[in-house]
């Protein structure tokens, strides 16, 4: 009995140091990866002479094509890059359940080849899109002086 009483008591504490190390590594990884994911797409939008200002609705679906020809879908959570092979399936999935409107807003860089835009329009039509609206910026208008 005397030998058992001299033994150290068993501790049932959790060692959290390895868990903290793992969490810090994950935090650093997410801090590096997140800006790359949310960077969005870079596009210089064409300018229109009679563009109307209209606020964006939260349920609108916007397809963007950046200056490199990459597709981005924005369904209210910000633009997310979509591989070419997945675009048709994503559009079909988005428009299959829509009964209210089947409108797609297209925002493309002004310097890309029109064939890339035409390809996106064709995929959208096959997915069930009925109306495609172009997103453009207003051209600066010089106001002539009134006499």
C-alpha atoms as a PDB file:
ATOM      1  CA  UNK A   1       0.000   0.000   0.000  1.00  0.00           C
ATOM      2  CA  UNK A   2       2.887   2.300   0.761  1.00  0.00           C
ATOM      3  CA  UNK A   3       4.342   1.919  -2.778  1.00  0.00           C
ATOM      4  CA  UNK A   4       1.039   2.816  -4.441  1.00  0.00           C
ATOM      5  CA  UNK A   5       0.678   5.992  -2.414  1.00  0.00           C
ATOM      6  CA  UNK A   6       4.096   7.294  -3.563  1.00  0.00           C
ATOM      7  CA  UNK A   7       3.146   7.054  -7.257  1.00  0.00           C
ATOM      8  CA  UNK A   8       2.162  10.301  -8.982  1.00  0.00           C
ATOM      9  CA  UNK A   9      -1.556  10.752  -9.605  1.00  0.00           C
ATOM     10  CA  UNK A  10      -2.768  10.195 -13.179  1.00  0.00           C
ATOM     11  CA  UNK A  11      -3.669  13.444 -14.932  1.00  0.00           C
ATOM     12  CA  UNK A  12      -6.615  13.472 -17.302  1.00  0.00           C
ATOM     13  CA  UNK A  13      -5.821  16.830 -18.957  1.00  0.00           C
ATOM     14  CA  UNK A  14      -5.790  17.248 -22.728  1.00  0.00           C
ATOM     15  CA  UNK A  15      -2.563  18.474 -24.253  1.00  0.00           C
ATOM     16  CA  UNK A  16      -3.760  21.376 -26.447  1.00  0.00           C
ATOM     17  CA  UNK A  17      -0.364  22.467 -27.765  1.00  0.00           C
ATOM     18  CA  UNK A  18      -0.450  20.233 -30.894  1.00  0.00           C
ATOM     19  CA  UNK A  19      -4.025  21.347 -31.601  1.00  0.00           C
ATOM     20  CA  UNK A  20      -3.027  25.021 -31.368  1.00  0.00           C
ATOM     21  CA  UNK A  21      -0.098  24.392 -33.722  1.00  0.00           C
ATOM     22  CA  UNK A  22      -2.396  22.795 -36.292  1.00  0.00           C
ATOM     23  CA  UNK A  23      -4.934  25.615 -35.982  1.00  0.00           C
ATOM     24  CA  UNK A  24      -2.253  28.269 -36.513  1.00  0.00           C
ATOM     25  CA  UNK A  25      -0.975  26.505 -39.625  1.00  0.00           C
ATOM     26  CA  UNK A  26      -4.537  26.269 -41.007  1.00  0.00           C
ATOM     27  CA  UNK A  27      -5.121  29.942 -40.214  1.00  0.00           C
ATOM     28  CA  UNK A  28      -2.014  30.950 -42.149  1.00  0.00           C
ATOM     29  CA  UNK A  29      -2.995  28.758 -45.107  1.00  0.00           C
ATOM     30  CA  UNK A  30      -6.490  30.272 -45.245  1.00  0.00           C
ATOM     31  CA  UNK A  31      -5.086  33.791 -44.944  1.00  0.00           C
ATOM     32  CA  UNK A  32      -2.938  33.162 -48.009  1.00  0.00           C
ATOM     33  CA  UNK A  33      -5.519  31.287 -50.108  1.00  0.00           C
ATOM     34  CA  UNK A  34      -8.613  33.426 -49.421  1.00  0.00           C
ATOM     35  CA  UNK A  35      -7.483  36.587 -51.267  1.00  0.00           C
ATOM     36  CA  UNK A  36      -6.643  34.483 -54.318  1.00  0.00           C
ATOM     37  CA  UNK A  37     -10.127  32.944 -54.298  1.00  0.00           C
ATOM     38  CA  UNK A  38     -12.042  36.178 -53.747  1.00  0.00           C
ATOM     39  CA  UNK A  39      -9.939  38.316 -56.072  1.00  0.00           C
ATOM     40  CA  UNK A  40     -12.751  38.187 -58.637  1.00  0.00           C
ATOM     41  CA  UNK A  41     -12.178  38.798 -62.275  1.00  0.00           C
ATOM     42  CA  UNK A  42     -10.471  41.720 -63.970  1.00  0.00           C
ATOM     43  CA  UNK A  43     -12.401  43.093 -66.909  1.00  0.00           C
ATOM     44  CA  UNK A  44     -12.646  46.456 -68.608  1.00  0.00           C
ATOM     45  CA  UNK A  45     -16.328  46.635 -69.421  1.00  0.00           C
ATOM     46  CA  UNK A  46     -17.344  48.204 -72.742  1.00  0.00           C
ATOM     47  CA  UNK A  47     -18.930  51.636 -72.550  1.00  0.00           C
ATOM     48  CA  UNK A  48     -22.416  52.307 -73.880  1.00  0.00           C
ATOM     49  CA  UNK A  49     -23.880  55.631 -74.952  1.00  0.00           C
ATOM     50  CA  UNK A  50     -27.345  55.052 -73.459  1.00  0.00           C
ATOM     51  CA  UNK A  51     -26.679  52.742 -70.526  1.00  0.00           C
ATOM     52  CA  UNK A  52     -29.267  52.919 -67.743  1.00  0.00           C
ATOM     53  CA  UNK A  53     -28.218  52.822 -64.126  1.00  0.00           C
ATOM     54  CA  UNK A  54     -30.012  49.991 -62.400  1.00  0.00           C
ATOM     55  CA  UNK A  55     -29.243  48.511 -58.985  1.00  0.00           C
ATOM     56  CA  UNK A  56     -28.259  44.855 -58.904  1.00  0.00           C
ATOM     57  CA  UNK A  57     -30.854  42.491 -57.497  1.00  0.00           C
ATOM     58  CA  UNK A  58     -29.743  39.728 -55.095  1.00  0.00           C
ATOM     59  CA  UNK A  59     -31.359  36.946 -57.150  1.00  0.00           C
ATOM     60  CA  UNK A  60     -29.713  37.947 -60.446  1.00  0.00           C
ATOM     61  CA  UNK A  61     -27.291  35.592 -62.122  1.00  0.00           C
ATOM     62  CA  UNK A  62     -24.268  37.296 -63.644  1.00  0.00           C
ATOM     63  CA  UNK A  63     -21.731  35.650 -65.929  1.00  0.00           C
ATOM     64  CA  UNK A  64     -18.393  37.390 -66.243  1.00  0.00           C
ATOM     65  CA  UNK A  65     -15.623  36.824 -68.759  1.00  0.00           C
ATOM     66  CA  UNK A  66     -12.305  38.365 -67.793  1.00  0.00           C
ATOM     67  CA  UNK A  67      -9.524  39.617 -70.049  1.00  0.00           C
ATOM     68  CA  UNK A  68      -7.976  36.124 -70.100  1.00  0.00           C
ATOM     69  CA  UNK A  69     -11.256  34.538 -71.257  1.00  0.00           C
ATOM     70  CA  UNK A  70     -12.000  32.808 -67.927  1.00  0.00           C
ATOM     71  CA  UNK A  71     -15.631  32.443 -66.848  1.00  0.00           C
ATOM     72  CA  UNK A  72     -16.944  33.708 -63.507  1.00  0.00           C
ATOM     73  CA  UNK A  73     -20.439  33.102 -62.132  1.00  0.00           C
ATOM     74  CA  UNK A  74     -21.986  35.435 -59.568  1.00  0.00           C
ATOM     75  CA  UNK A  75     -25.227  34.267 -57.977  1.00  0.00           C
ATOM     76  CA  UNK A  76     -25.241  36.778 -55.153  1.00  0.00           C
ATOM     77  CA  UNK A  77     -22.142  35.672 -53.237  1.00  0.00           C
ATOM     78  CA  UNK A  78     -19.550  37.329 -55.445  1.00  0.00           C
ATOM     79  CA  UNK A  79     -17.895  36.106 -58.625  1.00  0.00           C
ATOM     80  CA  UNK A  80     -16.470  32.583 -58.501  1.00  0.00           C
ATOM     81  CA  UNK A  81     -14.334  31.152 -61.285  1.00  0.00           C
ATOM     82  CA  UNK A  82     -15.947  28.298 -63.205  1.00  0.00           C
ATOM     83  CA  UNK A  83     -13.950  25.946 -65.441  1.00  0.00           C
ATOM     84  CA  UNK A  84     -15.097  25.825 -69.079  1.00  0.00           C
ATOM     85  CA  UNK A  85     -16.181  22.192 -68.752  1.00  0.00           C
ATOM     86  CA  UNK A  86     -18.402  22.960 -65.725  1.00  0.00           C
ATOM     87  CA  UNK A  87     -20.119  26.110 -67.037  1.00  0.00           C
ATOM     88  CA  UNK A  88     -22.886  24.363 -68.977  1.00  0.00           C
ATOM     89  CA  UNK A  89     -23.783  22.114 -66.034  1.00  0.00           C
ATOM     90  CA  UNK A  90     -23.776  25.000 -63.555  1.00  0.00           C
ATOM     91  CA  UNK A  91     -26.037  27.102 -65.798  1.00  0.00           C
ATOM     92  CA  UNK A  92     -28.461  24.203 -66.320  1.00  0.00           C
ATOM     93  CA  UNK A  93     -28.574  23.676 -62.555  1.00  0.00           C
ATOM     94  CA  UNK A  94     -29.256  27.356 -61.904  1.00  0.00           C
ATOM     95  CA  UNK A  95     -31.976  27.806 -64.528  1.00  0.00           C
ATOM     96  CA  UNK A  96     -33.711  24.419 -64.272  1.00  0.00           C
ATOM     97  CA  UNK A  97     -35.651  25.425 -61.161  1.00  0.00           C
ATOM     98  CA  UNK A  98     -36.287  29.069 -62.052  1.00  0.00           C
ATOM     99  CA  UNK A  99     -39.844  29.845 -63.011  1.00  0.00           C
ATOM    100  CA  UNK A 100     -39.913  33.595 -62.418  1.00  0.00           C
ATOM    101  CA  UNK A 101     -37.324  34.765 -64.924  1.00  0.00           C
ATOM    102  CA  UNK A 102     -34.631  33.201 -67.002  1.00  0.00           C
ATOM    103  CA  UNK A 103     -32.389  36.228 -67.404  1.00  0.00           C
ATOM    104  CA  UNK A 104     -28.586  36.142 -67.492  1.00  0.00           C
ATOM    105  CA  UNK A 105     -26.523  39.301 -67.164  1.00  0.00           C
ATOM    106  CA  UNK A 106     -23.289  39.108 -69.132  1.00  0.00           C
ATOM    107  CA  UNK A 107     -20.255  41.188 -68.200  1.00  0.00           C
ATOM    108  CA  UNK A 108     -17.278  40.684 -70.492  1.00  0.00           C
ATOM    109  CA  UNK A 109     -13.970  42.442 -70.991  1.00  0.00           C
ATOM    110  CA  UNK A 110     -13.980  44.653 -74.060  1.00  0.00           C
ATOM    111  CA  UNK A 111     -10.685  43.255 -75.352  1.00  0.00           C
ATOM    112  CA  UNK A 112     -11.550  39.551 -75.572  1.00  0.00           C
ATOM    113  CA  UNK A 113     -12.380  37.700 -78.771  1.00  0.00           C
ATOM    114  CA  UNK A 114     -16.092  37.822 -79.582  1.00  0.00           C
ATOM    115  CA  UNK A 115     -16.062  34.061 -80.183  1.00  0.00           C
ATOM    116  CA  UNK A 116     -15.588  33.566 -76.440  1.00  0.00           C
ATOM    117  CA  UNK A 117     -18.682  35.690 -75.720  1.00  0.00           C
ATOM    118  CA  UNK A 118     -20.638  33.853 -78.405  1.00  0.00           C
ATOM    119  CA  UNK A 119     -19.656  30.523 -76.852  1.00  0.00           C
ATOM    120  CA  UNK A 120     -20.968  31.698 -73.459  1.00  0.00           C
ATOM    121  CA  UNK A 121     -24.229  32.892 -75.012  1.00  0.00           C
ATOM    122  CA  UNK A 122     -24.701  29.544 -76.758  1.00  0.00           C
ATOM    123  CA  UNK A 123     -24.140  27.642 -73.490  1.00  0.00           C
ATOM    124  CA  UNK A 124     -26.616  29.939 -71.729  1.00  0.00           C
ATOM    125  CA  UNK A 125     -29.277  29.422 -74.408  1.00  0.00           C
ATOM    126  CA  UNK A 126     -28.910  25.646 -74.145  1.00  0.00           C
ATOM    127  CA  UNK A 127     -29.253  25.937 -70.349  1.00  0.00           C
ATOM    128  CA  UNK A 128     -32.654  27.607 -70.686  1.00  0.00           C
ATOM    129  CA  UNK A 129     -31.777  31.305 -70.548  1.00  0.00           C
ATOM    130  CA  UNK A 130     -34.401  33.365 -72.398  1.00  0.00           C
ATOM    131  CA  UNK A 131     -32.975  36.895 -72.034  1.00  0.00           C
ATOM    132  CA  UNK A 132     -29.335  37.948 -71.917  1.00  0.00           C
ATOM    133  CA  UNK A 133     -28.571  41.454 -70.681  1.00  0.00           C
ATOM    134  CA  UNK A 134     -25.208  43.081 -71.272  1.00  0.00           C
ATOM    135  CA  UNK A 135     -23.568  44.978 -68.433  1.00  0.00           C
ATOM    136  CA  UNK A 136     -21.749  48.084 -69.644  1.00  0.00           C
ATOM    137  CA  UNK A 137     -20.437  51.358 -68.263  1.00  0.00           C
ATOM    138  CA  UNK A 138     -21.762  54.757 -69.323  1.00  0.00           C
ATOM    139  CA  UNK A 139     -19.626  56.525 -71.921  1.00  0.00           C
ATOM    140  CA  UNK A 140     -18.478  59.935 -70.792  1.00  0.00           C
ATOM    141  CA  UNK A 141     -20.605  62.479 -72.617  1.00  0.00           C
ATOM    142  CA  UNK A 142     -19.312  65.934 -73.445  1.00  0.00           C
ATOM    143  CA  UNK A 143     -22.014  68.474 -72.747  1.00  0.00           C
ATOM    144  CA  UNK A 144     -22.111  71.025 -75.545  1.00  0.00           C
ATOM    145  CA  UNK A 145     -22.595  74.539 -74.304  1.00  0.00           C
ATOM    146  CA  UNK A 146     -26.129  75.797 -74.738  1.00  0.00           C
ATOM    147  CA  UNK A 147     -26.487  79.075 -76.622  1.00  0.00           C
END
